[in-house]
Protein backbone atom coordinates (compact mmCIF):
# COMPACT_ATOMS: atom_id res chain seq x y z
CA MET A 1 51.77 78.33 182.02
CA PRO A 2 52.67 81.49 183.60
CA GLU A 3 52.29 84.55 181.11
CA SER A 4 55.91 85.56 181.85
CA ASP A 5 57.26 82.40 180.29
CA LEU A 6 55.10 82.18 177.27
CA ILE A 7 57.76 83.85 174.83
CA GLU A 8 60.33 81.76 176.13
CA ILE A 9 58.73 78.49 175.51
CA LEU A 10 57.43 79.75 171.90
CA GLU A 11 60.94 80.72 171.02
CA ALA A 12 62.52 77.46 172.61
CA HIS A 13 60.20 74.93 170.80
CA ARG A 14 59.74 76.97 167.63
CA LEU A 15 56.03 77.11 168.18
CA GLU A 16 53.88 79.33 165.80
CA PRO A 17 50.17 80.23 166.46
CA ALA A 18 47.65 77.99 164.41
CA THR A 19 45.78 80.17 161.94
CA GLU A 20 43.45 77.90 160.12
CA LEU A 21 44.19 74.28 161.08
CA PRO A 22 43.46 72.87 164.68
CA ALA A 23 46.67 72.82 166.84
CA ASP A 24 48.09 69.98 168.28
CA ILE A 25 49.55 71.83 171.29
CA VAL A 26 47.16 74.45 173.19
CA LEU A 27 48.99 76.62 175.60
CA HIS A 28 47.04 78.53 178.06
CA ALA A 29 48.91 81.54 179.66
CA VAL A 30 47.77 82.68 183.25
CA PRO A 31 48.69 86.27 184.20
CA ASP A 32 51.37 86.45 187.05
CA PRO A 33 51.42 85.59 190.06
CA TRP A 34 51.52 81.95 188.98
CA PRO A 35 48.97 80.12 191.20
CA PHE A 36 50.71 76.89 191.48
CA PRO A 37 54.17 75.84 193.07
CA PRO A 38 57.02 75.48 190.66
CA HIS A 39 57.32 72.06 188.93
CA LEU A 40 53.75 70.92 190.10
CA ARG A 41 52.32 68.24 187.85
CA MET A 42 49.01 69.45 186.65
CA VAL A 43 47.90 66.03 185.72
CA PRO A 44 49.25 62.29 186.84
CA GLU A 45 52.01 60.79 184.25
CA ILE A 46 49.43 58.31 183.15
CA VAL A 47 47.06 60.72 182.10
CA ALA A 48 49.61 62.83 180.19
CA ALA A 49 51.09 59.61 178.46
CA LEU A 50 47.53 58.52 177.48
CA ASP A 51 46.66 61.94 176.10
CA LEU A 52 49.89 61.99 173.94
CA ALA A 53 49.23 58.35 172.88
CA GLU A 54 45.96 59.47 171.57
CA ALA A 55 47.43 62.36 169.72
CA MET A 56 46.84 62.93 165.86
CA ALA A 57 50.46 63.60 165.28
CA PRO A 58 52.24 60.02 164.79
CA SER A 59 55.45 61.61 166.58
CA LEU A 60 53.41 62.56 169.74
CA ALA A 61 51.51 59.38 169.76
CA GLU A 62 54.68 57.32 169.72
CA LEU A 63 56.00 59.38 172.56
CA GLY A 64 52.89 58.73 174.55
CA ARG A 65 52.90 54.97 173.88
CA ALA A 66 56.74 54.78 174.73
CA ARG A 67 55.98 56.56 178.00
CA LEU A 68 52.93 54.22 178.65
CA ALA A 69 55.51 51.40 178.13
CA ASP A 70 57.97 52.69 180.54
CA LEU A 71 55.14 53.18 183.32
CA ALA A 72 53.79 49.86 182.79
CA ASP A 73 57.34 48.21 183.24
CA GLY A 74 57.13 49.03 187.00
CA LEU A 75 53.73 47.90 187.77
CA GLU A 76 52.79 44.34 189.33
CA PRO A 77 49.13 43.23 189.36
CA SER A 78 47.71 42.74 192.68
CA TRP A 79 44.25 40.69 192.88
CA GLN A 80 42.13 41.82 195.87
CA ARG A 81 38.55 41.03 196.08
CA ARG A 82 36.11 43.54 195.74
CA PRO A 83 34.20 44.82 198.79
CA PRO A 84 30.74 43.30 199.15
CA ARG A 85 28.12 45.24 197.73
CA ARG A 86 25.36 46.72 199.57
CA ARG A 87 22.07 45.00 199.56
CA ARG A 88 19.40 47.11 197.49
CA LEU A 89 16.84 48.81 199.60
CA ARG A 90 13.33 47.94 199.15
CA ALA A 91 11.24 50.63 197.29
CA ILE A 92 8.86 52.50 199.42
CA VAL A 93 5.96 52.19 196.75
CA PRO A 94 6.39 48.55 195.14
CA SER A 95 6.43 48.67 191.44
CA SER A 96 4.76 45.43 190.84
CA VAL A 97 1.66 46.76 192.58
CA GLN A 98 -0.99 48.28 190.38
CA VAL A 99 -2.22 51.96 190.75
CA LEU A 100 -5.73 52.11 191.71
CA ARG A 101 -7.67 54.13 189.34
CA PRO A 102 -11.31 55.63 189.88
CA HIS A 103 -14.18 53.87 188.38
CA PRO A 104 -14.31 55.16 184.42
CA ARG A 105 -17.52 57.15 185.20
CA LEU A 106 -15.66 59.18 187.93
CA GLN A 107 -12.61 60.03 185.74
CA HIS A 108 -12.74 63.35 183.79
CA SER A 109 -12.14 63.36 180.08
CA ALA A 110 -10.50 65.73 177.97
CA ALA A 111 -13.56 66.22 175.61
CA ALA A 112 -15.79 66.99 178.66
CA ASP A 113 -13.40 69.54 180.25
CA ALA A 114 -12.99 71.03 176.72
CA ALA A 115 -16.86 71.54 176.45
CA TRP A 116 -16.84 73.34 179.53
CA ASP A 117 -13.83 75.39 178.94
CA ASP A 118 -14.74 79.09 178.07
């Protein structure tokens, strides 16, 4: 919210800062000039309604569920086929082929390396 509107909103809704308990509402004030056009929605309606529906306060959760029901009334399901999936590309190095290892006599061992380590 714009920093210039903070006090007006706090007084209009009788909000007080939370001291010890976690807050149900978090207000973030942005110093003027406000970077967004007036009355711009920050999130889609469905996201705001889902956020309210998951609130801890029962009154806010009920408000969110009611808004979700309102939004669902205007929806009509549409059934469309999914686009075909792309075929997986073949791996450059096949994973089924075992990696060739040198003969055991030609492999270095940690014990042999430790003996020569100074």
